[in-house]
Structure formats: structure tokens, C-alpha cells
Amino acid sequence: MVEYTYRVLRLPRGTTRDTARRVLTEHAEHGGWELDRLRLNPDGSRRIQLRRKIIRQVRTF
């Protein structure tokens, strides 16, 4: 079974799409995060949930 760790980002109202895209790209390229869920709130702020796999090492000897 695959396990994930999650991170929630909140971007304030007035954040442009281009800025949001750059933030998500940085997390994806340098942290290994992928987009799990994005919510645009009625007040204009964004709540972004990212996830990445937990890789567990198993002893082989």
C-alpha cells in the first residue's frame, strides 16, 4: 500500500495565477510534491493540498 505525506499551502487573495503556478512548480521540482487538491475560496484565497510518497526502506539481509 502506498503511503503519502501531505502539506497544505494557503495563498492569499490577490495572488495571480502565474505566481501560484510558480509556487507549485518550485514545490514539485525541488521537493517532489504533487498536487492533490486545490480549492479557490469565495474570498479569493487558495487552499492547496500537496502530497508525496513516503518511501520506506526494507532491510534485505
N, C-alpha and C. Protein backbone atom coordinates (compact mmCIF):
# COMPACT_ATOMS: atom_id res chain seq x y z
N MET A 1 0.84 -1.18 0.00
CA MET A 1 0.00 0.00 0.00
C MET A 1 0.89 1.24 0.00
N VAL A 2 0.54 2.20 -0.80
CA VAL A 2 1.30 3.44 -0.91
C VAL A 2 0.87 4.40 0.20
N GLU A 3 1.85 4.98 0.87
CA GLU A 3 1.57 5.98 1.90
C GLU A 3 2.05 7.34 1.42
N TYR A 4 1.33 8.37 1.81
CA TYR A 4 1.67 9.73 1.41
C TYR A 4 1.83 10.61 2.64
N THR A 5 2.62 11.65 2.48
CA THR A 5 2.68 12.73 3.45
C THR A 5 2.08 13.96 2.76
N TYR A 6 1.41 14.80 3.52
CA TYR A 6 0.67 15.92 2.95
C TYR A 6 1.20 17.25 3.47
N ARG A 7 1.04 18.27 2.65
CA ARG A 7 1.40 19.65 3.02
C ARG A 7 0.30 20.57 2.49
N VAL A 8 -0.15 21.48 3.32
CA VAL A 8 -1.19 22.43 2.93
C VAL A 8 -0.56 23.81 2.78
N LEU A 9 -0.83 24.43 1.64
CA LEU A 9 -0.39 25.80 1.38
C LEU A 9 -1.61 26.69 1.29
N ARG A 10 -1.49 27.89 1.77
CA ARG A 10 -2.57 28.87 1.63
C ARG A 10 -1.99 30.10 0.95
N LEU A 11 -2.59 30.46 -0.18
CA LEU A 11 -2.16 31.65 -0.90
C LEU A 11 -3.22 32.72 -0.70
N PRO A 12 -2.81 33.92 -0.35
CA PRO A 12 -3.77 34.98 -0.03
C PRO A 12 -4.52 35.49 -1.26
N ARG A 13 -5.57 36.18 -0.97
CA ARG A 13 -6.37 36.82 -2.01
C ARG A 13 -5.48 37.78 -2.80
N GLY A 14 -5.69 37.83 -4.08
CA GLY A 14 -4.90 38.73 -4.91
C GLY A 14 -3.66 38.08 -5.51
N THR A 15 -3.39 36.84 -5.15
CA THR A 15 -2.26 36.12 -5.74
C THR A 15 -2.63 35.77 -7.18
N THR A 16 -1.78 36.12 -8.10
CA THR A 16 -2.09 35.86 -9.50
C THR A 16 -1.90 34.38 -9.83
N ARG A 17 -2.49 33.96 -10.92
CA ARG A 17 -2.33 32.57 -11.37
C ARG A 17 -0.88 32.26 -11.67
N ASP A 18 -0.19 33.20 -12.25
CA ASP A 18 1.22 32.99 -12.59
C ASP A 18 2.06 32.77 -11.33
N THR A 19 1.81 33.54 -10.30
CA THR A 19 2.53 33.38 -9.04
C THR A 19 2.20 32.03 -8.39
N ALA A 20 0.93 31.66 -8.40
CA ALA A 20 0.52 30.37 -7.85
C ALA A 20 1.20 29.23 -8.62
N ARG A 21 1.25 29.35 -9.93
CA ARG A 21 1.90 28.33 -10.76
C ARG A 21 3.38 28.21 -10.42
N ARG A 22 4.04 29.35 -10.21
CA ARG A 22 5.47 29.32 -9.86
C ARG A 22 5.71 28.66 -8.51
N VAL A 23 4.84 28.94 -7.53
CA VAL A 23 4.97 28.33 -6.21
C VAL A 23 4.81 26.81 -6.30
N LEU A 24 3.80 26.36 -7.05
CA LEU A 24 3.57 24.93 -7.21
C LEU A 24 4.70 24.25 -7.97
N THR A 25 5.24 24.93 -8.97
CA THR A 25 6.35 24.38 -9.73
C THR A 25 7.58 24.21 -8.86
N GLU A 26 7.87 25.18 -8.01
CA GLU A 26 9.02 25.08 -7.11
C GLU A 26 8.88 23.87 -6.17
N HIS A 27 7.69 23.70 -5.60
CA HIS A 27 7.47 22.56 -4.70
C HIS A 27 7.59 21.24 -5.44
N ALA A 28 7.12 21.20 -6.68
CA ALA A 28 7.15 19.95 -7.45
C ALA A 28 8.58 19.60 -7.87
N GLU A 29 9.31 20.57 -8.37
CA GLU A 29 10.65 20.30 -8.90
C GLU A 29 11.68 20.05 -7.80
N HIS A 30 11.61 20.80 -6.72
CA HIS A 30 12.65 20.72 -5.70
C HIS A 30 12.27 19.89 -4.48
N GLY A 31 10.98 19.65 -4.29
CA GLY A 31 10.56 18.90 -3.11
C GLY A 31 9.90 17.57 -3.42
N GLY A 32 9.61 17.32 -4.69
CA GLY A 32 8.96 16.07 -5.06
C GLY A 32 7.48 16.02 -4.75
N TRP A 33 6.85 17.18 -4.56
CA TRP A 33 5.43 17.23 -4.23
C TRP A 33 4.59 17.19 -5.50
N GLU A 34 3.38 16.65 -5.38
CA GLU A 34 2.41 16.68 -6.48
C GLU A 34 1.10 17.24 -5.96
N LEU A 35 0.33 17.83 -6.86
CA LEU A 35 -0.92 18.45 -6.48
C LEU A 35 -1.96 17.37 -6.16
N ASP A 36 -2.55 17.47 -4.99
CA ASP A 36 -3.60 16.54 -4.58
C ASP A 36 -4.97 17.21 -4.69
N ARG A 37 -5.06 18.44 -4.22
CA ARG A 37 -6.34 19.13 -4.18
C ARG A 37 -6.10 20.64 -4.18
N LEU A 38 -6.93 21.37 -4.90
CA LEU A 38 -6.84 22.83 -4.91
C LEU A 38 -8.24 23.39 -4.73
N ARG A 39 -8.38 24.33 -3.83
CA ARG A 39 -9.68 24.94 -3.59
C ARG A 39 -9.55 26.45 -3.68
N LEU A 40 -10.39 27.05 -4.49
CA LEU A 40 -10.46 28.50 -4.58
C LEU A 40 -11.62 28.94 -3.70
N ASN A 41 -11.31 29.64 -2.63
CA ASN A 41 -12.33 30.05 -1.67
C ASN A 41 -13.12 31.25 -2.19
N PRO A 42 -14.33 31.47 -1.67
CA PRO A 42 -15.15 32.60 -2.12
C PRO A 42 -14.48 33.96 -1.91
N ASP A 43 -13.59 34.07 -0.92
CA ASP A 43 -12.92 35.35 -0.69
C ASP A 43 -11.73 35.57 -1.61
N GLY A 44 -11.42 34.61 -2.49
CA GLY A 44 -10.34 34.77 -3.46
C GLY A 44 -9.04 34.09 -3.06
N SER A 45 -8.95 33.59 -1.83
CA SER A 45 -7.73 32.90 -1.41
C SER A 45 -7.76 31.47 -1.93
N ARG A 46 -6.58 30.86 -1.98
CA ARG A 46 -6.46 29.48 -2.46
C ARG A 46 -5.93 28.60 -1.35
N ARG A 47 -6.50 27.40 -1.24
CA ARG A 47 -6.01 26.38 -0.31
C ARG A 47 -5.54 25.22 -1.18
N ILE A 48 -4.25 24.91 -1.08
CA ILE A 48 -3.64 23.91 -1.94
C ILE A 48 -3.12 22.78 -1.07
N GLN A 49 -3.50 21.56 -1.42
CA GLN A 49 -3.01 20.39 -0.69
C GLN A 49 -2.08 19.62 -1.62
N LEU A 50 -0.84 19.44 -1.17
CA LEU A 50 0.16 18.70 -1.93
C LEU A 50 0.44 17.37 -1.24
N ARG A 51 0.92 16.40 -1.99
CA ARG A 51 1.28 15.12 -1.40
C ARG A 51 2.55 14.59 -2.06
N ARG A 52 3.25 13.71 -1.32
CA ARG A 52 4.36 12.98 -1.89
C ARG A 52 4.46 11.63 -1.20
N LYS A 53 4.99 10.67 -1.93
CA LYS A 53 5.07 9.31 -1.43
C LYS A 53 6.08 9.20 -0.32
N ILE A 54 5.77 8.36 0.65
CA ILE A 54 6.72 8.01 1.71
C ILE A 54 7.39 6.72 1.26
N ILE A 55 8.69 6.78 1.12
CA ILE A 55 9.44 5.60 0.68
C ILE A 55 10.11 4.99 1.90
N ARG A 56 9.68 3.81 2.25
CA ARG A 56 10.22 3.11 3.40
C ARG A 56 11.28 2.13 2.94
N GLN A 57 12.40 2.12 3.62
CA GLN A 57 13.46 1.18 3.29
C GLN A 57 13.23 -0.12 4.05
N VAL A 58 13.44 -1.22 3.37
CA VAL A 58 13.26 -2.54 3.95
C VAL A 58 14.63 -3.22 4.00
N ARG A 59 14.95 -3.78 5.13
CA ARG A 59 16.22 -4.50 5.24
C ARG A 59 16.17 -5.75 4.39
N THR A 60 17.27 -6.03 3.71
CA THR A 60 17.30 -7.19 2.81
C THR A 60 18.17 -8.31 3.31
N PHE A 61 18.79 -8.16 4.48
CA PHE A 61 19.63 -9.26 4.97
C PHE A 61 19.04 -9.91 6.17
